[in-house]
N, C-alpha and C. Protein backbone atom coordinates (compact mmCIF):
# COMPACT_ATOMS: atom_id res chain seq x y z
N UNK A 1 170.19 58.87 44.80
CA UNK A 1 169.88 59.19 43.46
C UNK A 1 170.24 57.97 42.56
N UNK A 2 169.37 57.64 41.77
CA UNK A 2 169.59 56.41 40.88
C UNK A 2 170.68 56.75 39.80
N UNK A 3 171.44 55.72 39.45
CA UNK A 3 172.36 55.84 38.44
C UNK A 3 171.81 55.91 37.13
N UNK A 4 172.30 56.67 36.20
CA UNK A 4 171.81 56.73 34.81
C UNK A 4 172.22 55.52 34.10
N UNK A 5 171.35 54.90 33.24
CA UNK A 5 171.75 53.75 32.49
C UNK A 5 172.74 54.08 31.44
N UNK A 6 173.63 53.17 31.18
CA UNK A 6 174.64 53.30 30.13
C UNK A 6 173.97 53.29 28.73
N UNK A 7 174.38 54.13 27.88
CA UNK A 7 173.91 54.16 26.52
C UNK A 7 174.78 53.21 25.73
N UNK A 8 174.12 52.32 25.01
CA UNK A 8 174.86 51.31 24.18
C UNK A 8 174.84 51.82 22.73
N UNK A 9 176.04 51.96 22.21
CA UNK A 9 176.14 52.31 20.81
C UNK A 9 176.10 51.04 19.97
N UNK A 10 175.68 51.25 18.72
CA UNK A 10 175.57 50.09 17.83
C UNK A 10 176.93 49.50 17.67
N UNK A 11 176.96 48.13 17.75
CA UNK A 11 178.20 47.41 17.60
C UNK A 11 179.09 47.28 18.79
N UNK A 12 178.70 47.88 19.93
CA UNK A 12 179.59 47.73 21.09
C UNK A 12 178.89 46.87 22.18
N UNK A 13 179.76 46.38 23.08
CA UNK A 13 179.17 45.58 24.18
C UNK A 13 179.04 46.42 25.44
N UNK A 14 178.03 46.20 26.22
CA UNK A 14 177.94 46.96 27.40
C UNK A 14 179.00 46.65 28.47
N UNK A 15 179.48 47.59 29.23
CA UNK A 15 180.39 47.34 30.29
C UNK A 15 179.71 47.03 31.53
N UNK A 16 180.33 46.20 32.39
CA UNK A 16 179.64 45.85 33.66
C UNK A 16 179.51 47.06 34.56
N UNK A 17 178.37 47.19 35.18
CA UNK A 17 178.12 48.36 36.05
C UNK A 17 178.00 47.80 37.51
N UNK A 18 178.23 48.63 38.42
CA UNK A 18 178.12 48.15 39.82
C UNK A 18 176.70 48.42 40.38
N UNK A 19 176.20 47.42 41.08
CA UNK A 19 174.91 47.56 41.73
C UNK A 19 175.11 48.05 43.20
N UNK A 20 174.08 48.08 43.98
CA UNK A 20 174.19 48.54 45.36
C UNK A 20 175.08 47.65 46.22
N UNK A 21 175.22 46.38 45.90
CA UNK A 21 175.94 45.44 46.71
C UNK A 21 177.44 45.54 46.45
N UNK A 22 177.90 46.35 45.45
CA UNK A 22 179.31 46.47 45.17
C UNK A 22 179.81 45.41 44.21
N UNK A 23 179.01 44.50 43.77
CA UNK A 23 179.45 43.54 42.76
C UNK A 23 178.97 44.04 41.39
N UNK A 24 179.70 43.63 40.43
CA UNK A 24 179.30 44.09 39.07
C UNK A 24 178.09 43.33 38.63
N UNK A 25 177.30 43.82 37.70
CA UNK A 25 176.03 43.23 37.26
C UNK A 25 176.33 41.91 36.53
N UNK A 26 177.53 41.77 35.93
CA UNK A 26 177.81 40.58 35.15
C UNK A 26 178.51 39.50 36.02
N UNK A 27 178.85 39.87 37.29
CA UNK A 27 179.59 39.02 38.15
C UNK A 27 178.59 38.08 38.93
N UNK A 28 178.94 36.84 39.16
CA UNK A 28 178.08 35.98 39.88
C UNK A 28 178.23 36.24 41.40
N UNK A 29 177.18 36.22 42.15
CA UNK A 29 177.26 36.45 43.58
C UNK A 29 177.42 35.12 44.37
N UNK A 30 177.33 34.01 43.71
CA UNK A 30 177.32 32.74 44.45
C UNK A 30 178.79 32.28 44.46
N UNK A 31 179.12 31.50 45.53
CA UNK A 31 180.47 31.00 45.71
C UNK A 31 180.57 29.64 44.96
N UNK A 32 181.59 29.52 44.18
CA UNK A 32 181.72 28.36 43.35
C UNK A 32 182.29 27.16 44.17
N UNK A 33 182.76 27.42 45.42
CA UNK A 33 183.23 26.28 46.31
C UNK A 33 182.11 25.37 46.76
N UNK A 34 180.87 25.87 46.74
CA UNK A 34 179.75 25.01 47.24
C UNK A 34 179.26 23.99 46.19
N UNK A 35 179.82 23.96 44.99
CA UNK A 35 179.34 23.01 44.03
C UNK A 35 177.93 23.32 43.61
N UNK A 36 177.18 22.29 43.43
CA UNK A 36 175.84 22.42 43.00
C UNK A 36 174.84 22.19 44.15
N UNK A 37 175.26 22.36 45.40
CA UNK A 37 174.44 21.99 46.53
C UNK A 37 173.20 22.87 46.65
N UNK A 38 173.32 24.13 46.28
CA UNK A 38 172.23 25.05 46.48
C UNK A 38 171.43 25.34 45.23
N UNK A 39 171.80 24.64 44.16
CA UNK A 39 171.02 24.69 42.92
C UNK A 39 169.71 23.98 43.12
N UNK A 40 168.66 24.27 42.31
CA UNK A 40 167.41 23.55 42.40
C UNK A 40 167.62 22.05 42.31
N UNK A 41 168.54 21.61 41.41
CA UNK A 41 168.76 20.20 41.22
C UNK A 41 169.35 19.61 42.50
N UNK A 42 170.28 20.34 43.13
CA UNK A 42 170.91 19.89 44.34
C UNK A 42 169.97 19.74 45.54
N UNK A 43 169.11 20.79 45.67
CA UNK A 43 168.15 20.80 46.71
C UNK A 43 167.10 19.66 46.56
N UNK A 44 166.64 19.48 45.34
CA UNK A 44 165.63 18.38 45.11
C UNK A 44 166.26 17.01 45.34
N UNK A 45 167.47 16.80 44.86
CA UNK A 45 168.07 15.44 45.03
C UNK A 45 168.45 15.20 46.42
N UNK A 46 168.93 16.25 47.16
CA UNK A 46 169.22 16.03 48.57
C UNK A 46 167.97 15.79 49.38
N UNK A 47 166.83 16.42 49.06
CA UNK A 47 165.58 16.15 49.67
C UNK A 47 165.14 14.71 49.43
N UNK A 48 165.25 14.26 48.19
CA UNK A 48 164.81 12.88 47.85
C UNK A 48 165.68 11.90 48.66
N UNK A 49 166.98 12.15 48.68
CA UNK A 49 167.89 11.28 49.44
C UNK A 49 167.52 11.28 50.89
N UNK A 50 167.24 12.40 51.50
CA UNK A 50 166.84 12.52 52.87
C UNK A 50 165.61 11.82 53.15
N UNK A 51 164.66 11.93 52.28
CA UNK A 51 163.35 11.20 52.51
C UNK A 51 163.58 9.75 52.44
N UNK A 52 164.29 9.22 51.43
CA UNK A 52 164.53 7.78 51.37
C UNK A 52 165.34 7.22 52.58
N UNK A 53 166.41 7.98 52.92
CA UNK A 53 167.12 7.48 54.09
C UNK A 53 166.40 7.62 55.36
N UNK A 54 165.58 8.73 55.53
CA UNK A 54 164.79 8.88 56.74
C UNK A 54 163.71 7.78 56.84
N UNK A 55 163.10 7.47 55.76
CA UNK A 55 162.10 6.41 55.77
C UNK A 55 162.76 5.10 56.16
N UNK A 56 163.94 4.83 55.68
CA UNK A 56 164.68 3.63 56.02
C UNK A 56 164.94 3.54 57.53
N UNK A 57 165.33 4.70 58.13
CA UNK A 57 165.57 4.71 59.58
C UNK A 57 164.34 4.50 60.36
N UNK A 58 163.24 5.14 59.93
CA UNK A 58 161.96 5.01 60.64
C UNK A 58 161.45 3.59 60.60
N UNK A 59 161.54 2.99 59.40
CA UNK A 59 161.10 1.60 59.21
C UNK A 59 162.01 0.61 60.11
N UNK A 60 163.29 0.97 60.16
CA UNK A 60 164.13 0.06 60.96
C UNK A 60 163.75 0.16 62.45
N UNK A 61 163.39 1.44 62.90
CA UNK A 61 163.01 1.59 64.30
C UNK A 61 161.69 0.88 64.68
N UNK A 62 160.81 0.82 63.71
CA UNK A 62 159.48 0.22 64.02
C UNK A 62 159.46 -1.23 63.40
N UNK A 63 160.58 -1.81 63.06
CA UNK A 63 160.61 -3.08 62.49
C UNK A 63 160.19 -4.16 63.47
N UNK A 64 160.25 -3.91 64.74
CA UNK A 64 159.74 -4.86 65.74
C UNK A 64 158.27 -5.07 65.66
N UNK A 65 157.57 -4.17 64.91
CA UNK A 65 156.14 -4.33 64.68
C UNK A 65 155.86 -5.23 63.45
N UNK A 66 156.90 -5.62 62.78
CA UNK A 66 156.77 -6.48 61.60
C UNK A 66 156.69 -5.71 60.30
N UNK A 67 156.97 -4.39 60.36
CA UNK A 67 156.89 -3.57 59.13
C UNK A 67 158.30 -3.56 58.52
N UNK A 68 158.34 -3.95 57.20
CA UNK A 68 159.55 -3.98 56.49
C UNK A 68 159.26 -3.51 55.07
N UNK A 69 160.24 -2.87 54.46
CA UNK A 69 160.02 -2.34 53.10
C UNK A 69 160.35 -3.41 52.04
N UNK A 70 160.93 -4.54 52.40
CA UNK A 70 161.33 -5.61 51.49
C UNK A 70 162.13 -5.04 50.30
N UNK A 71 163.00 -4.15 50.53
CA UNK A 71 163.90 -3.63 49.46
C UNK A 71 163.27 -2.65 48.55
N UNK A 72 162.08 -2.23 48.88
CA UNK A 72 161.35 -1.25 47.99
C UNK A 72 162.05 0.03 47.97
N UNK A 73 162.56 0.52 49.15
CA UNK A 73 163.28 1.79 49.20
C UNK A 73 164.59 1.74 48.47
N UNK A 74 165.27 0.55 48.53
CA UNK A 74 166.51 0.37 47.79
C UNK A 74 166.29 0.48 46.30
N UNK A 75 165.27 -0.25 45.81
CA UNK A 75 164.98 -0.22 44.39
C UNK A 75 164.56 1.15 43.91
N UNK A 76 163.67 1.83 44.72
CA UNK A 76 163.23 3.20 44.43
C UNK A 76 164.44 4.18 44.37
N UNK A 77 165.35 4.03 45.33
CA UNK A 77 166.53 4.86 45.34
C UNK A 77 167.45 4.61 44.12
N UNK A 78 167.59 3.36 43.79
CA UNK A 78 168.41 3.00 42.64
C UNK A 78 167.84 3.60 41.34
N UNK A 79 166.50 3.56 41.18
CA UNK A 79 165.92 4.10 39.99
C UNK A 79 166.03 5.57 39.94
N UNK A 80 165.68 6.27 41.07
CA UNK A 80 165.76 7.73 41.10
C UNK A 80 167.18 8.22 40.88
N UNK A 81 168.09 7.73 41.70
CA UNK A 81 169.44 8.28 41.58
C UNK A 81 170.26 7.76 40.42
N UNK A 82 169.99 6.52 39.90
CA UNK A 82 170.58 6.03 38.71
C UNK A 82 170.17 6.82 37.48
N UNK A 83 168.85 7.18 37.42
CA UNK A 83 168.38 7.98 36.30
C UNK A 83 168.99 9.36 36.34
N UNK A 84 168.96 9.93 37.52
CA UNK A 84 169.56 11.27 37.74
C UNK A 84 171.07 11.28 37.31
N UNK A 85 171.74 10.26 37.74
CA UNK A 85 173.21 10.17 37.41
C UNK A 85 173.40 10.05 35.85
N UNK A 86 172.52 9.24 35.17
CA UNK A 86 172.66 9.09 33.75
C UNK A 86 172.37 10.45 33.06
N UNK A 87 171.31 11.15 33.45
CA UNK A 87 170.98 12.44 32.85
C UNK A 87 171.97 13.52 33.16
N UNK A 88 172.63 13.40 34.31
CA UNK A 88 173.64 14.42 34.76
C UNK A 88 174.97 14.19 33.98
N UNK A 89 175.34 12.95 33.77
CA UNK A 89 176.65 12.73 33.21
C UNK A 89 176.64 12.15 31.78
N UNK A 90 175.54 11.53 31.33
CA UNK A 90 175.49 10.94 30.04
C UNK A 90 176.34 9.68 29.92
N UNK A 91 176.51 9.21 28.75
CA UNK A 91 177.30 7.98 28.57
C UNK A 91 178.80 8.24 28.79
N UNK A 92 179.29 9.40 28.50
CA UNK A 92 180.71 9.66 28.42
C UNK A 92 181.49 9.47 29.71
N UNK A 93 180.99 10.06 30.83
CA UNK A 93 181.83 10.20 32.06
C UNK A 93 181.14 9.48 33.23
N UNK A 94 180.87 8.19 33.08
CA UNK A 94 180.22 7.55 34.19
C UNK A 94 181.16 6.72 35.08
N UNK A 95 182.44 6.92 34.93
CA UNK A 95 183.42 6.08 35.67
C UNK A 95 183.36 6.25 37.17
N UNK A 96 183.83 7.30 37.67
CA UNK A 96 183.90 7.51 39.17
C UNK A 96 182.49 7.67 39.75
N UNK A 97 181.56 8.33 39.01
CA UNK A 97 180.23 8.49 39.52
C UNK A 97 179.52 7.10 39.62
N UNK A 98 179.83 6.28 38.66
CA UNK A 98 179.19 4.91 38.76
C UNK A 98 179.73 4.16 39.99
N UNK A 99 180.95 4.26 40.31
CA UNK A 99 181.54 3.59 41.49
C UNK A 99 180.90 4.09 42.75
N UNK A 100 180.72 5.46 42.81
CA UNK A 100 180.03 6.02 43.96
C UNK A 100 178.61 5.50 44.14
N UNK A 101 177.87 5.48 43.02
CA UNK A 101 176.53 4.99 42.98
C UNK A 101 176.44 3.49 43.38
N UNK A 102 177.36 2.67 42.87
CA UNK A 102 177.28 1.23 43.24
C UNK A 102 177.69 1.01 44.68
N UNK A 103 178.58 1.83 45.18
CA UNK A 103 178.96 1.75 46.57
C UNK A 103 177.73 2.06 47.46
N UNK A 104 177.06 3.15 47.20
CA UNK A 104 175.86 3.52 47.96
C UNK A 104 174.80 2.46 47.87
N UNK A 105 174.54 2.00 46.64
CA UNK A 105 173.51 0.97 46.44
C UNK A 105 173.86 -0.38 47.16
N UNK A 106 175.18 -0.71 47.11
CA UNK A 106 175.62 -1.93 47.85
C UNK A 106 175.43 -1.82 49.35
N UNK A 107 175.70 -0.63 49.86
CA UNK A 107 175.50 -0.39 51.32
C UNK A 107 173.97 -0.55 51.59
N UNK A 108 173.14 0.08 50.81
CA UNK A 108 171.67 -0.02 50.99
C UNK A 108 171.11 -1.41 50.96
N UNK A 109 171.82 -2.36 50.17
CA UNK A 109 171.26 -3.67 50.06
C UNK A 109 171.57 -4.54 51.32
N UNK A 110 172.59 -4.15 52.11
CA UNK A 110 172.84 -4.88 53.34
C UNK A 110 171.73 -4.62 54.32
N UNK A 111 171.05 -5.65 54.86
CA UNK A 111 169.84 -5.44 55.58
C UNK A 111 169.79 -4.42 56.70
N UNK A 112 170.67 -4.52 57.70
CA UNK A 112 170.57 -3.60 58.86
C UNK A 112 171.41 -2.33 58.53
N UNK A 113 172.56 -2.53 57.93
CA UNK A 113 173.42 -1.39 57.63
C UNK A 113 172.76 -0.41 56.64
N UNK A 114 172.03 -0.87 55.66
CA UNK A 114 171.36 -0.05 54.68
C UNK A 114 170.22 0.75 55.31
N UNK A 115 169.62 0.16 56.42
CA UNK A 115 168.52 0.88 56.98
C UNK A 115 168.93 2.09 57.76
N UNK A 116 170.09 2.03 58.36
CA UNK A 116 170.49 3.13 59.28
C UNK A 116 171.55 4.05 58.65
N UNK A 117 172.16 3.68 57.54
CA UNK A 117 173.18 4.53 56.97
C UNK A 117 172.67 5.52 55.99
N UNK A 118 173.19 6.78 56.03
CA UNK A 118 172.74 7.78 55.08
C UNK A 118 173.49 7.71 53.76
N UNK A 119 173.47 6.54 53.18
CA UNK A 119 174.32 6.35 51.98
C UNK A 119 173.81 7.12 50.71
N UNK A 120 172.47 7.23 50.60
CA UNK A 120 171.99 8.06 49.45
C UNK A 120 172.36 9.47 49.65
N UNK A 121 172.25 10.01 50.88
CA UNK A 121 172.62 11.40 51.13
C UNK A 121 174.09 11.69 50.79
N UNK A 122 174.94 10.71 51.30
CA UNK A 122 176.38 10.90 51.02
C UNK A 122 176.67 10.81 49.56
N UNK A 123 176.04 9.89 48.84
CA UNK A 123 176.23 9.75 47.38
C UNK A 123 175.85 11.05 46.67
N UNK A 124 174.67 11.64 46.93
CA UNK A 124 174.19 12.83 46.26
C UNK A 124 175.14 13.99 46.65
N UNK A 125 175.54 14.07 47.88
CA UNK A 125 176.45 15.14 48.35
C UNK A 125 177.75 15.05 47.60
N UNK A 126 178.33 13.93 47.52
CA UNK A 126 179.59 13.77 46.87
C UNK A 126 179.50 14.05 45.34
N UNK A 127 178.38 13.57 44.72
CA UNK A 127 178.26 13.80 43.33
C UNK A 127 177.99 15.26 42.95
N UNK A 128 177.28 16.01 43.81
CA UNK A 128 177.09 17.43 43.63
C UNK A 128 178.41 18.21 43.87
N UNK A 129 179.22 17.74 44.76
CA UNK A 129 180.45 18.45 45.05
C UNK A 129 181.47 18.12 44.02
N UNK A 130 181.33 17.09 43.22
CA UNK A 130 182.40 16.76 42.29
C UNK A 130 182.25 17.51 41.01
N UNK A 131 181.19 18.24 40.76
CA UNK A 131 181.05 19.02 39.59
C UNK A 131 181.42 20.49 39.77
């Protein structure tokens, strides 16, 4: 049998009610220990990082064919994640996040190390977990 809706009187605030799961309607069901990993922002940025790092690995594996990205993936990653970092933090709190970004970008600039290391994925993961 369905529960009767609470009547709200003028000037009062509604009280939280329990739904079928046992959690109150005003309570969040997500765990805050996961950071922003499962938010749409987190999923999109982790996918972008995975694609860039994956393409780097694939290009390094077929580099014996003479295929090289000539730093295009590094520049693309710097633009994507630098812009994301700026919009995420603004001017005020770029200290630690900027150091993480510059570390990942520096690793990506090293010719062989940048091709096989998942530095963009690690950067995005750590940035999402820090909030």
